[in-house]
């Protein structure tokens, strides 16, 4: 005789608590020096601490955003499942559409088990999620005079942690264009190149340098990039996690309610954004002041916030290890796909 032992599903309150997510998504990396000796530690990924220091801690959990609630009563098991209210879908939408597309494109090389349509759908859902939930952009205070056009570009982070957050290869930046009455480009900052690099970005051109945080931009070789730049023990720029002991720059966009003056050092702001009065938990405001060089209006001002999960420098620094199979294979994939490495999250346009 066959006996079936059945234990009805039980509700556990901790599954709804953001602390549950923190157990995996709070990560410190140990830096190591000569002989593998520990020389420091880096708060590599701390989205929970960012959330905890924002207004979202009293409004919305990680689960509320990344695991959307099912509105109708739903059983959690097909066999003898009891319909319950307040269940959440296990979609876990994040932000790395690029790796989803890479896994799909090179599925045979990588022995990927997920079906092609599953990965393509996941990548499309990720982009849709980012473009509907991540950020907004505004263009304000446009003034034309003395041969220049000036405008404030404001960016708002609409998420519950920094934008971008977690793994430090991720970056967002402003692409700003000014066109004259004949639609000729008068000014452009932050254009995306076909290889995934950003025009004017010092770090993409030179691994030892990086773009500072800007309060005002008046040259096309200045780009406002929201990113974390890692430093090694000697203060040099690095993308090596086991060499990094500190942040030389962290101006990733803050969530609402985030007070950079009281934030603990593991999730605070580093670099020029730390004392920028226009960089707050309400967003960032950058002034653009552009020489018109005799161009005639009306002028079209366009601002876009772009996002890239794997920055150009993070991929290309691996080429020094190209003799090893895995870095070589990754860079082959990245170089073949880098024209699709970034997407626009939000945009705004005005004509004056």
C-alpha atoms as a PDB file:
ATOM      1  CA  UNK A   1       0.000   0.000   0.000  1.00  0.00           C
ATOM      2  CA  UNK A   2       1.308   3.440  -0.942  1.00  0.00           C
ATOM      3  CA  UNK A   3       0.928   6.195   1.627  1.00  0.00           C
ATOM      4  CA  UNK A   4       1.231   9.850   0.624  1.00  0.00           C
ATOM      5  CA  UNK A   5       2.374  12.123   3.415  1.00  0.00           C
ATOM      6  CA  UNK A   6       1.253  15.690   2.780  1.00  0.00           C
ATOM      7  CA  UNK A   7       2.189  18.783   4.749  1.00  0.00           C
ATOM      8  CA  UNK A   8       0.120  21.845   3.777  1.00  0.00           C
ATOM      9  CA  UNK A   9       2.198  24.845   2.701  1.00  0.00           C
ATOM     10  CA  UNK A  10       2.915  27.227   5.545  1.00  0.00           C
ATOM     11  CA  UNK A  11       3.337  30.997   5.381  1.00  0.00           C
ATOM     12  CA  UNK A  12       6.652  32.356   6.688  1.00  0.00           C
ATOM     13  CA  UNK A  13       6.729  36.093   7.388  1.00  0.00           C
ATOM     14  CA  UNK A  14      10.467  36.498   6.745  1.00  0.00           C
ATOM     15  CA  UNK A  15       9.976  35.806   3.038  1.00  0.00           C
ATOM     16  CA  UNK A  16       8.390  39.274   2.689  1.00  0.00           C
ATOM     17  CA  UNK A  17      11.202  41.073   4.525  1.00  0.00           C
ATOM     18  CA  UNK A  18      13.891  42.934   2.522  1.00  0.00           C
ATOM     19  CA  UNK A  19      16.466  41.516   4.928  1.00  0.00           C
ATOM     20  CA  UNK A  20      16.026  38.196   3.157  1.00  0.00           C
ATOM     21  CA  UNK A  21      17.360  39.732  -0.064  1.00  0.00           C
ATOM     22  CA  UNK A  22      20.256  41.306   1.836  1.00  0.00           C
ATOM     23  CA  UNK A  23      21.652  37.895   2.761  1.00  0.00           C
ATOM     24  CA  UNK A  24      22.865  37.425  -0.832  1.00  0.00           C
ATOM     25  CA  UNK A  25      22.911  40.988  -2.167  1.00  0.00           C
ATOM     26  CA  UNK A  26      25.239  42.501   0.429  1.00  0.00           C
ATOM     27  CA  UNK A  27      28.715  41.562  -0.707  1.00  0.00           C
ATOM     28  CA  UNK A  28      32.150  42.585   0.539  1.00  0.00           C
ATOM     29  CA  UNK A  29      35.207  41.661  -1.522  1.00  0.00           C
ATOM     30  CA  UNK A  30      38.551  41.080   0.178  1.00  0.00           C
ATOM     31  CA  UNK A  31      41.494  42.732  -1.576  1.00  0.00           C
ATOM     32  CA  UNK A  32      44.729  40.810  -1.560  1.00  0.00           C
ATOM     33  CA  UNK A  33      48.328  41.863  -1.970  1.00  0.00           C
ATOM     34  CA  UNK A  34      51.627  40.067  -2.248  1.00  0.00           C
ATOM     35  CA  UNK A  35      51.393  36.399  -1.383  1.00  0.00           C
ATOM     36  CA  UNK A  36      47.604  36.613  -1.238  1.00  0.00           C
ATOM     37  CA  UNK A  37      47.672  38.529   2.037  1.00  0.00           C
ATOM     38  CA  UNK A  38      44.444  40.495   2.751  1.00  0.00           C
ATOM     39  CA  UNK A  39      45.079  44.243   2.434  1.00  0.00           C
ATOM     40  CA  UNK A  40      41.551  45.628   2.655  1.00  0.00           C
ATOM     41  CA  UNK A  41      37.915  45.116   1.809  1.00  0.00           C
ATOM     42  CA  UNK A  42      35.488  46.718  -0.619  1.00  0.00           C
ATOM     43  CA  UNK A  43      31.690  47.036  -0.226  1.00  0.00           C
ATOM     44  CA  UNK A  44      31.227  45.662  -3.730  1.00  0.00           C
ATOM     45  CA  UNK A  45      27.430  45.393  -3.747  1.00  0.00           C
ATOM     46  CA  UNK A  46      25.202  46.956  -1.067  1.00  0.00           C
ATOM     47  CA  UNK A  47      21.755  47.685  -2.565  1.00  0.00           C
ATOM     48  CA  UNK A  48      20.102  46.722   0.737  1.00  0.00           C
ATOM     49  CA  UNK A  49      22.098  49.371   2.638  1.00  0.00           C
ATOM     50  CA  UNK A  50      21.172  51.933  -0.033  1.00  0.00           C
ATOM     51  CA  UNK A  51      17.515  50.976   0.316  1.00  0.00           C
ATOM     52  CA  UNK A  52      17.725  51.069   4.113  1.00  0.00           C
ATOM     53  CA  UNK A  53      19.000  54.662   3.964  1.00  0.00           C
ATOM     54  CA  UNK A  54      16.162  55.818   1.678  1.00  0.00           C
ATOM     55  CA  UNK A  55      12.473  56.628   2.016  1.00  0.00           C
ATOM     56  CA  UNK A  56      11.656  53.256   0.462  1.00  0.00           C
ATOM     57  CA  UNK A  57      12.431  51.406   3.683  1.00  0.00           C
ATOM     58  CA  UNK A  58       8.993  52.504   4.952  1.00  0.00           C
ATOM     59  CA  UNK A  59       7.176  52.245   1.623  1.00  0.00           C
ATOM     60  CA  UNK A  60       8.353  49.395  -0.588  1.00  0.00           C
ATOM     61  CA  UNK A  61      10.440  46.276  -0.118  1.00  0.00           C
ATOM     62  CA  UNK A  62      12.746  44.619  -2.628  1.00  0.00           C
ATOM     63  CA  UNK A  63      10.050  41.996  -3.181  1.00  0.00           C
ATOM     64  CA  UNK A  64       7.408  44.623  -3.993  1.00  0.00           C
ATOM     65  CA  UNK A  65       9.443  45.778  -7.002  1.00  0.00           C
ATOM     66  CA  UNK A  66      11.282  42.686  -8.228  1.00  0.00           C
ATOM     67  CA  UNK A  67       8.525  40.182  -7.385  1.00  0.00           C
ATOM     68  CA  UNK A  68       5.228  41.845  -8.427  1.00  0.00           C
ATOM     69  CA  UNK A  69       2.163  40.867  -6.431  1.00  0.00           C
ATOM     70  CA  UNK A  70      -0.540  38.700  -7.951  1.00  0.00           C
ATOM     71  CA  UNK A  71      -3.844  40.504  -7.418  1.00  0.00           C
ATOM     72  CA  UNK A  72      -6.177  37.514  -7.295  1.00  0.00           C
ATOM     73  CA  UNK A  73      -6.082  34.532  -4.871  1.00  0.00           C
ATOM     74  CA  UNK A  74      -3.503  32.042  -6.154  1.00  0.00           C
ATOM     75  CA  UNK A  75      -2.401  28.560  -5.036  1.00  0.00           C
ATOM     76  CA  UNK A  76       1.349  28.085  -4.612  1.00  0.00           C
ATOM     77  CA  UNK A  77       1.163  24.391  -5.534  1.00  0.00           C
ATOM     78  CA  UNK A  78      -0.638  22.643  -8.373  1.00  0.00           C
ATOM     79  CA  UNK A  79      -1.464  19.669  -6.149  1.00  0.00           C
ATOM     80  CA  UNK A  80      -3.749  20.455  -3.190  1.00  0.00           C
ATOM     81  CA  UNK A  81      -2.647  24.105  -3.283  1.00  0.00           C
ATOM     82  CA  UNK A  82      -4.764  26.483  -1.226  1.00  0.00           C
ATOM     83  CA  UNK A  83      -5.595  29.822  -2.954  1.00  0.00           C
ATOM     84  CA  UNK A  84      -4.008  32.660  -1.004  1.00  0.00           C
ATOM     85  CA  UNK A  85      -3.995  36.439  -1.269  1.00  0.00           C
ATOM     86  CA  UNK A  86      -0.841  38.492  -1.624  1.00  0.00           C
ATOM     87  CA  UNK A  87       1.381  36.034  -3.453  1.00  0.00           C
ATOM     88  CA  UNK A  88       4.224  37.389  -5.562  1.00  0.00           C
ATOM     89  CA  UNK A  89       5.505  36.243  -8.943  1.00  0.00           C
ATOM     90  CA  UNK A  90       9.089  34.969  -9.041  1.00  0.00           C
ATOM     91  CA  UNK A  91      10.122  37.084 -12.018  1.00  0.00           C
ATOM     92  CA  UNK A  92      13.137  38.717 -10.309  1.00  0.00           C
ATOM     93  CA  UNK A  93      13.498  41.339 -13.030  1.00  0.00           C
ATOM     94  CA  UNK A  94      16.882  43.028 -12.710  1.00  0.00           C
ATOM     95  CA  UNK A  95      18.893  45.119 -15.144  1.00  0.00           C
ATOM     96  CA  UNK A  96      21.416  42.997 -17.052  1.00  0.00           C
ATOM     97  CA  UNK A  97      19.678  42.595 -20.395  1.00  0.00           C
ATOM     98  CA  UNK A  98      23.092  42.425 -22.082  1.00  0.00           C
ATOM     99  CA  UNK A  99      24.120  39.170 -20.412  1.00  0.00           C
ATOM    100  CA  UNK A 100      20.704  37.666 -21.115  1.00  0.00           C
ATOM    101  CA  UNK A 101      21.215  38.441 -24.808  1.00  0.00           C
ATOM    102  CA  UNK A 102      24.775  37.111 -24.697  1.00  0.00           C
ATOM    103  CA  UNK A 103      23.670  33.847 -23.116  1.00  0.00           C
ATOM    104  CA  UNK A 104      21.033  33.495 -25.819  1.00  0.00           C
ATOM    105  CA  UNK A 105      23.307  34.320 -28.746  1.00  0.00           C
ATOM    106  CA  UNK A 106      26.074  31.959 -27.614  1.00  0.00           C
ATOM    107  CA  UNK A 107      23.811  29.364 -26.086  1.00  0.00           C
ATOM    108  CA  UNK A 108      25.531  26.414 -27.778  1.00  0.00           C
ATOM    109  CA  UNK A 109      29.033  27.496 -26.696  1.00  0.00           C
ATOM    110  CA  UNK A 110      27.830  28.065 -23.148  1.00  0.00           C
ATOM    111  CA  UNK A 111      25.538  25.009 -22.907  1.00  0.00           C
ATOM    112  CA  UNK A 112      22.559  27.175 -21.999  1.00  0.00           C
ATOM    113  CA  UNK A 113      19.484  25.176 -21.025  1.00  0.00           C
ATOM    114  CA  UNK A 114      16.866  27.929 -21.181  1.00  0.00           C
ATOM    115  CA  UNK A 115      14.867  28.100 -24.402  1.00  0.00           C
ATOM    116  CA  UNK A 116      15.695  30.902 -26.888  1.00  0.00           C
ATOM    117  CA  UNK A 117      12.289  32.524 -26.512  1.00  0.00           C
ATOM    118  CA  UNK A 118      12.634  32.457 -22.724  1.00  0.00           C
ATOM    119  CA  UNK A 119      15.886  34.421 -22.749  1.00  0.00           C
ATOM    120  CA  UNK A 120      14.766  36.849 -25.436  1.00  0.00           C
ATOM    121  CA  UNK A 121      11.557  37.483 -23.506  1.00  0.00           C
ATOM    122  CA  UNK A 122      13.533  37.971 -20.287  1.00  0.00           C
ATOM    123  CA  UNK A 123      15.818  40.526 -21.972  1.00  0.00           C
ATOM    124  CA  UNK A 124      12.851  42.406 -23.424  1.00  0.00           C
ATOM    125  CA  UNK A 125      11.108  42.408 -20.032  1.00  0.00           C
ATOM    126  CA  UNK A 126      14.284  43.702 -18.379  1.00  0.00           C
ATOM    127  CA  UNK A 127      14.532  46.643 -20.787  1.00  0.00           C
ATOM    128  CA  UNK A 128      10.814  47.394 -20.445  1.00  0.00           C
ATOM    129  CA  UNK A 129      11.143  47.314 -16.659  1.00  0.00           C
ATOM    130  CA  UNK A 130      14.097  49.715 -16.724  1.00  0.00           C
ATOM    131  CA  UNK A 131      12.452  52.130 -19.142  1.00  0.00           C
ATOM    132  CA  UNK A 132       9.214  52.262 -17.168  1.00  0.00           C
ATOM    133  CA  UNK A 133      10.538  52.197 -13.593  1.00  0.00           C
ATOM    134  CA  UNK A 134      14.158  53.364 -13.381  1.00  0.00           C
ATOM    135  CA  UNK A 135      14.433  57.110 -13.998  1.00  0.00           C
ATOM    136  CA  UNK A 136      13.082  60.330 -15.453  1.00  0.00           C
ATOM    137  CA  UNK A 137      14.776  63.301 -17.141  1.00  0.00           C
ATOM    138  CA  UNK A 138      13.739  66.956 -17.353  1.00  0.00           C
ATOM    139  CA  UNK A 139      15.130  69.969 -19.226  1.00  0.00           C
ATOM    140  CA  UNK A 140      14.505  73.269 -17.437  1.00  0.00           C
ATOM    141  CA  UNK A 141      15.558  76.932 -17.313  1.00  0.00           C
ATOM    142  CA  UNK A 142      16.558  77.206 -20.974  1.00  0.00           C
ATOM    143  CA  UNK A 143      18.110  80.632 -21.645  1.00  0.00           C
ATOM    144  CA  UNK A 144      19.584  81.951 -24.909  1.00  0.00           C
ATOM    145  CA  UNK A 145      21.848  85.008 -24.938  1.00  0.00           C
ATOM    146  CA  UNK A 146      25.364  86.323 -25.485  1.00  0.00           C
ATOM    147  CA  UNK A 147      26.044  83.658 -28.077  1.00  0.00           C
ATOM    148  CA  UNK A 148      25.263  80.760 -25.751  1.00  0.00           C
ATOM    149  CA  UNK A 149      22.393  78.502 -24.799  1.00  0.00           C
ATOM    150  CA  UNK A 150      22.089  77.377 -21.201  1.00  0.00           C
ATOM    151  CA  UNK A 151      19.870  74.676 -19.764  1.00  0.00           C
ATOM    152  CA  UNK A 152      19.518  72.612 -16.601  1.00  0.00           C
ATOM    153  CA  UNK A 153      19.163  68.869 -17.074  1.00  0.00           C
ATOM    154  CA  UNK A 154      17.642  67.123 -14.056  1.00  0.00           C
ATOM    155  CA  UNK A 155      17.679  63.371 -13.518  1.00  0.00           C
ATOM    156  CA  UNK A 156      15.556  61.528 -10.966  1.00  0.00           C
ATOM    157  CA  UNK A 157      16.183  58.009  -9.709  1.00  0.00           C
ATOM    158  CA  UNK A 158      12.785  56.311  -9.320  1.00  0.00           C
ATOM    159  CA  UNK A 159      14.116  53.132  -7.714  1.00  0.00           C
ATOM    160  CA  UNK A 160      14.729  52.131  -4.119  1.00  0.00           C
ATOM    161  CA  UNK A 161      18.519  51.965  -4.352  1.00  0.00           C
ATOM    162  CA  UNK A 162      21.286  53.715  -6.273  1.00  0.00           C
ATOM    163  CA  UNK A 163      21.057  53.838 -10.057  1.00  0.00           C
ATOM    164  CA  UNK A 164      22.872  51.809 -11.159  1.00  0.00           C
ATOM    165  CA  UNK A 165      23.436  49.580  -8.158  1.00  0.00           C
ATOM    166  CA  UNK A 166      25.282  46.362  -7.261  1.00  0.00           C
ATOM    167  CA  UNK A 167      28.121  45.128  -9.490  1.00  0.00           C
ATOM    168  CA  UNK A 168      30.392  48.113 -10.227  1.00  0.00           C
ATOM    169  CA  UNK A 169      30.721  47.506 -13.987  1.00  0.00           C
ATOM    170  CA  UNK A 170      27.352  49.227 -14.460  1.00  0.00           C
ATOM    171  CA  UNK A 171      27.015  52.861 -15.459  1.00  0.00           C
ATOM    172  CA  UNK A 172      24.458  55.421 -16.579  1.00  0.00           C
ATOM    173  CA  UNK A 173      25.181  58.734 -18.289  1.00  0.00           C
ATOM    174  CA  UNK A 174      23.670  61.812 -19.900  1.00  0.00           C
ATOM    175  CA  UNK A 175      23.673  62.222 -23.657  1.00  0.00           C
ATOM    176  CA  UNK A 176      22.808  65.837 -24.463  1.00  0.00           C
ATOM    177  CA  UNK A 177      22.316  67.285 -27.944  1.00  0.00           C
ATOM    178  CA  UNK A 178      21.644  70.808 -29.203  1.00  0.00           C
ATOM    179  CA  UNK A 179      20.483  71.248 -32.819  1.00  0.00           C
ATOM    180  CA  UNK A 180      19.882  74.466 -34.743  1.00  0.00           C
ATOM    181  CA  UNK A 181      16.908  75.405 -36.941  1.00  0.00           C
ATOM    182  CA  UNK A 182      18.333  73.296 -39.804  1.00  0.00           C
ATOM    183  CA  UNK A 183      18.735  70.306 -37.466  1.00  0.00           C
ATOM    184  CA  UNK A 184      22.528  70.558 -37.556  1.00  0.00           C
ATOM    185  CA  UNK A 185      24.274  69.471 -34.354  1.00  0.00           C
ATOM    186  CA  UNK A 186      25.637  72.490 -32.487  1.00  0.00           C
ATOM    187  CA  UNK A 187      26.724  70.549 -29.399  1.00  0.00           C
ATOM    188  CA  UNK A 188      26.846  66.946 -28.259  1.00  0.00           C
ATOM    189  CA  UNK A 189      28.042  65.348 -25.022  1.00  0.00           C
ATOM    190  CA  UNK A 190      27.940  61.654 -24.168  1.00  0.00           C
ATOM    191  CA  UNK A 191      27.407  60.023 -27.558  1.00  0.00           C
ATOM    192  CA  UNK A 192      27.634  56.223 -27.567  1.00  0.00           C
ATOM    193  CA  UNK A 193      30.235  54.788 -29.934  1.00  0.00           C
ATOM    194  CA  UNK A 194      29.632  51.615 -31.894  1.00  0.00           C
ATOM    195  CA  UNK A 195      32.070  49.660 -29.710  1.00  0.00           C
ATOM    196  CA  UNK A 196      30.202  50.446 -26.477  1.00  0.00           C
ATOM    197  CA  UNK A 197      32.486  53.276 -25.365  1.00  0.00           C
ATOM    198  CA  UNK A 198      31.345  56.828 -24.634  1.00  0.00           C
ATOM    199  CA  UNK A 199      32.739  59.754 -26.597  1.00  0.00           C
ATOM    200  CA  UNK A 200      34.685  62.076 -24.308  1.00  0.00           C
ATOM    201  CA  UNK A 201      34.912  59.588 -21.442  1.00  0.00           C
ATOM    202  CA  UNK A 202      38.461  59.664 -20.086  1.00  0.00           C
ATOM    203  CA  UNK A 203      38.176  56.176 -18.577  1.00  0.00           C
ATOM    204  CA  UNK A 204      37.187  54.534 -21.861  1.00  0.00           C
ATOM    205  CA  UNK A 205      40.141  56.217 -23.586  1.00  0.00           C
ATOM    206  CA  UNK A 206      42.654  55.671 -20.785  1.00  0.00           C
ATOM    207  CA  UNK A 207      42.331  53.023 -18.031  1.00  0.00           C
ATOM    208  CA  UNK A 208      44.291  55.208 -15.591  1.00  0.00           C
ATOM    209  CA  UNK A 209      41.856  58.139 -15.732  1.00  0.00           C
ATOM    210  CA  UNK A 210      38.119  58.773 -15.289  1.00  0.00           C
ATOM    211  CA  UNK A 211      35.535  61.493 -15.742  1.00  0.00           C
ATOM    212  CA  UNK A 212      34.892  63.599 -12.632  1.00  0.00           C
ATOM    213  CA  UNK A 213      31.421  64.463 -11.410  1.00  0.00           C
ATOM    214  CA  UNK A 214      30.282  67.678 -13.111  1.00  0.00           C
ATOM    215  CA  UNK A 215      28.122  70.516 -11.853  1.00  0.00           C
ATOM    216  CA  UNK A 216      28.390  72.342 -15.189  1.00  0.00           C
ATOM    217  CA  UNK A 217      29.286  71.097 -18.649  1.00  0.00           C
ATOM    218  CA  UNK A 218      30.371  73.432 -21.438  1.00  0.00           C
ATOM    219  CA  UNK A 219      32.544  71.216 -23.636  1.00  0.00           C
ATOM    220  CA  UNK A 220      31.744  68.152 -25.710  1.00  0.00           C
ATOM    221  CA  UNK A 221      34.584  66.210 -24.075  1.00  0.00           C
ATOM    222  CA  UNK A 222      32.880  66.495 -20.680  1.00  0.00           C
ATOM    223  CA  UNK A 223      30.329  63.781 -19.851  1.00  0.00           C
ATOM    224  CA  UNK A 224      28.195  63.309 -16.765  1.00  0.00           C
ATOM    225  CA  UNK A 225      28.567  59.612 -15.976  1.00  0.00           C
ATOM    226  CA  UNK A 226      26.861  58.061 -12.958  1.00  0.00           C
ATOM    227  CA  UNK A 227      29.225  55.287 -11.924  1.00  0.00           C
ATOM    228  CA  UNK A 228      31.527  53.824  -9.315  1.00  0.00           C
ATOM    229  CA  UNK A 229      35.271  54.007  -9.959  1.00  0.00           C
ATOM    230  CA  UNK A 230      37.413  51.661  -7.875  1.00  0.00           C
ATOM    231  CA  UNK A 231      40.855  52.446  -6.486  1.00  0.00           C
ATOM    232  CA  UNK A 232      43.647  50.123  -5.414  1.00  0.00           C
ATOM    233  CA  UNK A 233      45.932  50.484  -2.401  1.00  0.00           C
ATOM    234  CA  UNK A 234      48.071  53.076  -4.225  1.00  0.00           C
ATOM    235  CA  UNK A 235      45.033  55.089  -5.313  1.00  0.00           C
ATOM    236  CA  UNK A 236      45.204  53.925  -8.917  1.00  0.00           C
ATOM    237  CA  UNK A 237      42.076  53.254 -10.973  1.00  0.00           C
ATOM    238  CA  UNK A 238      41.268  49.555 -11.252  1.00  0.00           C
ATOM    239  CA  UNK A 239      38.553  47.160 -12.328  1.00  0.00           C
ATOM    240  CA  UNK A 240      40.167  44.293 -10.430  1.00  0.00           C
ATOM    241  CA  UNK A 241      37.970  43.407  -7.500  1.00  0.00           C
ATOM    242  CA  UNK A 242      40.742  41.675  -5.553  1.00  0.00           C
ATOM    243  CA  UNK A 243      42.890  44.814  -5.938  1.00  0.00           C
ATOM    244  CA  UNK A 244      40.205  47.372  -5.014  1.00  0.00           C
ATOM    245  CA  UNK A 245      40.113  48.795  -1.492  1.00  0.00           C
ATOM    246  CA  UNK A 246      38.150  52.013  -1.967  1.00  0.00           C
ATOM    247  CA  UNK A 247      35.988  54.140  -4.243  1.00  0.00           C
ATOM    248  CA  UNK A 248      37.623  57.047  -6.038  1.00  0.00           C
ATOM    249  CA  UNK A 249      34.236  58.120  -7.374  1.00  0.00           C
ATOM    250  CA  UNK A 250      30.671  57.082  -6.610  1.00  0.00           C
ATOM    251  CA  UNK A 251      28.047  59.451  -7.964  1.00  0.00           C
ATOM    252  CA  UNK A 252      25.460  56.848  -8.815  1.00  0.00           C
ATOM    253  CA  UNK A 253      22.022  58.427  -8.610  1.00  0.00           C
ATOM    254  CA  UNK A 254      20.564  58.309  -5.111  1.00  0.00           C
ATOM    255  CA  UNK A 255      17.099  57.013  -4.187  1.00  0.00           C
ATOM    256  CA  UNK A 256      14.556  59.425  -2.695  1.00  0.00           C
ATOM    257  CA  UNK A 257      15.227  60.242   0.928  1.00  0.00           C
ATOM    258  CA  UNK A 258      18.905  59.273   0.794  1.00  0.00           C
ATOM    259  CA  UNK A 259      20.944  61.730   2.880  1.00  0.00           C
ATOM    260  CA  UNK A 260      24.561  61.633   1.739  1.00  0.00           C
ATOM    261  CA  UNK A 261      25.648  63.529   4.852  1.00  0.00           C
ATOM    262  CA  UNK A 262      24.496  60.789   7.224  1.00  0.00           C
ATOM    263  CA  UNK A 263      25.016  57.690   5.073  1.00  0.00           C
ATOM    264  CA  UNK A 264      27.459  55.117   6.415  1.00  0.00           C
ATOM    265  CA  UNK A 265      30.726  54.894   4.500  1.00  0.00           C
ATOM    266  CA  UNK A 266      29.836  51.595   2.814  1.00  0.00           C
ATOM    267  CA  UNK A 267      27.030  53.191   0.811  1.00  0.00           C
ATOM    268  CA  UNK A 268      27.869  56.897   0.763  1.00  0.00           C
ATOM    269  CA  UNK A 269      28.906  59.250  -2.084  1.00  0.00           C
ATOM    270  CA  UNK A 270      32.539  59.649  -3.145  1.00  0.00           C
ATOM    271  CA  UNK A 271      34.222  62.307  -5.252  1.00  0.00           C
ATOM    272  CA  UNK A 272      32.835  65.598  -6.518  1.00  0.00           C
ATOM    273  CA  UNK A 273      29.202  64.628  -5.990  1.00  0.00           C
ATOM    274  CA  UNK A 274      29.743  64.535  -2.222  1.00  0.00           C
ATOM    275  CA  UNK A 275      29.708  68.341  -1.937  1.00  0.00           C
ATOM    276  CA  UNK A 276      27.495  69.118  -4.942  1.00  0.00           C
ATOM    277  CA  UNK A 277      24.341  70.802  -3.533  1.00  0.00           C
ATOM    278  CA  UNK A 278      22.411  69.742  -6.648  1.00  0.00           C
ATOM    279  CA  UNK A 279      23.225  66.057  -6.159  1.00  0.00           C
ATOM    280  CA  UNK A 280      20.761  64.781  -3.555  1.00  0.00           C
ATOM    281  CA  UNK A 281      18.185  62.126  -2.813  1.00  0.00           C
ATOM    282  CA  UNK A 282      15.857  64.083  -5.083  1.00  0.00           C
ATOM    283  CA  UNK A 283      18.170  63.586  -8.083  1.00  0.00           C
ATOM    284  CA  UNK A 284      20.941  65.425  -9.872  1.00  0.00           C
ATOM    285  CA  UNK A 285      20.871  68.726 -11.761  1.00  0.00           C
ATOM    286  CA  UNK A 286      23.584  69.559 -14.291  1.00  0.00           C
ATOM    287  CA  UNK A 287      23.929  72.929 -16.014  1.00  0.00           C
ATOM    288  CA  UNK A 288      24.862  72.865 -19.691  1.00  0.00           C
ATOM    289  CA  UNK A 289      26.288  76.084 -21.141  1.00  0.00           C
ATOM    290  CA  UNK A 290      26.958  75.783 -24.861  1.00  0.00           C
ATOM    291  CA  UNK A 291      28.545  78.202 -27.340  1.00  0.00           C
ATOM    292  CA  UNK A 292      26.316  78.586 -30.409  1.00  0.00           C
ATOM    293  CA  UNK A 293      29.063  79.708 -32.813  1.00  0.00           C
ATOM    294  CA  UNK A 294      26.632  81.829 -34.823  1.00  0.00           C
ATOM    295  CA  UNK A 295      24.008  79.083 -35.247  1.00  0.00           C
ATOM    296  CA  UNK A 296      20.417  80.227 -35.588  1.00  0.00           C
ATOM    297  CA  UNK A 297      17.371  79.062 -33.686  1.00  0.00           C
ATOM    298  CA  UNK A 298      14.900  77.841 -32.825  1.00  0.00           C
ATOM    299  CA  UNK A 299      17.119  75.354 -30.988  1.00  0.00           C
ATOM    300  CA  UNK A 300      16.197  71.795 -30.092  1.00  0.00           C
ATOM    301  CA  UNK A 301      17.656  70.532 -26.817  1.00  0.00           C
ATOM    302  CA  UNK A 302      17.514  66.792 -26.228  1.00  0.00           C
ATOM    303  CA  UNK A 303      18.639  64.901 -23.127  1.00  0.00           C
ATOM    304  CA  UNK A 304      18.789  61.128 -22.734  1.00  0.00           C
ATOM    305  CA  UNK A 305      19.809  58.965 -19.794  1.00  0.00           C
ATOM    306  CA  UNK A 306      21.634  55.900 -21.083  1.00  0.00           C
ATOM    307  CA  UNK A 307      22.430  52.724 -19.158  1.00  0.00           C
ATOM    308  CA  UNK A 308      25.081  50.046 -19.773  1.00  0.00           C
ATOM    309  CA  UNK A 309      25.377  46.896 -17.587  1.00  0.00           C
ATOM    310  CA  UNK A 310      29.002  46.193 -18.552  1.00  0.00           C
ATOM    311  CA  UNK A 311      31.063  49.308 -19.128  1.00  0.00           C
ATOM    312  CA  UNK A 312      33.557  49.346 -21.993  1.00  0.00           C
ATOM    313  CA  UNK A 313      36.557  49.634 -19.669  1.00  0.00           C
ATOM    314  CA  UNK A 314      35.453  46.670 -17.544  1.00  0.00           C
ATOM    315  CA  UNK A 315      35.364  44.414 -20.588  1.00  0.00           C
ATOM    316  CA  UNK A 316      38.475  45.742 -22.292  1.00  0.00           C
ATOM    317  CA  UNK A 317      40.672  45.523 -19.184  1.00  0.00           C
ATOM    318  CA  UNK A 318      40.252  41.760 -19.466  1.00  0.00           C
ATOM    319  CA  UNK A 319      42.165  41.775 -22.751  1.00  0.00           C
ATOM    320  CA  UNK A 320      45.464  41.822 -20.874  1.00  0.00           C
ATOM    321  CA  UNK A 321      44.522  38.257 -19.872  1.00  0.00           C
ATOM    322  CA  UNK A 322      43.516  37.310 -23.413  1.00  0.00           C
ATOM    323  CA  UNK A 323      45.865  34.331 -23.454  1.00  0.00           C
ATOM    324  CA  UNK A 324      43.504  32.634 -21.000  1.00  0.00           C
ATOM    325  CA  UNK A 325      40.525  30.889 -22.554  1.00  0.00           C
ATOM    326  CA  UNK A 326      37.691  32.410 -20.521  1.00  0.00           C
ATOM    327  CA  UNK A 327      38.648  36.135 -20.820  1.00  0.00           C
ATOM    328  CA  UNK A 328      39.363  35.618 -24.521  1.00  0.00           C
ATOM    329  CA  UNK A 329      35.982  34.024 -25.091  1.00  0.00           C
ATOM    330  CA  UNK A 330      34.151  36.733 -23.153  1.00  0.00           C
ATOM    331  CA  UNK A 331      35.863  39.536 -25.071  1.00  0.00           C
ATOM    332  CA  UNK A 332      35.080  37.816 -28.366  1.00  0.00           C
ATOM    333  CA  UNK A 333      31.413  37.805 -27.358  1.00  0.00           C
ATOM    334  CA  UNK A 334      31.491  41.376 -26.034  1.00  0.00           C
ATOM    335  CA  UNK A 335      33.176  42.799 -29.127  1.00  0.00           C
ATOM    336  CA  UNK A 336      30.633  41.096 -31.365  1.00  0.00           C
ATOM    337  CA  UNK A 337      27.705  42.483 -29.371  1.00  0.00           C
ATOM    338  CA  UNK A 338      28.894  45.819 -27.985  1.00  0.00           C
ATOM    339  CA  UNK A 339      26.757  47.884 -30.345  1.00  0.00           C
ATOM    340  CA  UNK A 340      23.806  46.660 -28.252  1.00  0.00           C
ATOM    341  CA  UNK A 341      25.510  47.118 -24.887  1.00  0.00           C
ATOM    342  CA  UNK A 342      23.362  50.075 -23.745  1.00  0.00           C
ATOM    343  CA  UNK A 343      19.782  51.334 -23.799  1.00  0.00           C
ATOM    344  CA  UNK A 344      18.055  54.662 -23.203  1.00  0.00           C
ATOM    345  CA  UNK A 345      16.199  54.743 -19.883  1.00  0.00           C
ATOM    346  CA  UNK A 346      14.544  58.156 -20.185  1.00  0.00           C
ATOM    347  CA  UNK A 347      14.600  61.209 -22.436  1.00  0.00           C
ATOM    348  CA  UNK A 348      13.313  64.759 -22.667  1.00  0.00           C
ATOM    349  CA  UNK A 349      13.224  67.395 -25.404  1.00  0.00           C
ATOM    350  CA  UNK A 350      12.453  71.101 -25.615  1.00  0.00           C
ATOM    351  CA  UNK A 351      12.524  73.658 -28.437  1.00  0.00           C
ATOM    352  CA  UNK A 352      13.419  77.303 -27.847  1.00  0.00           C
END
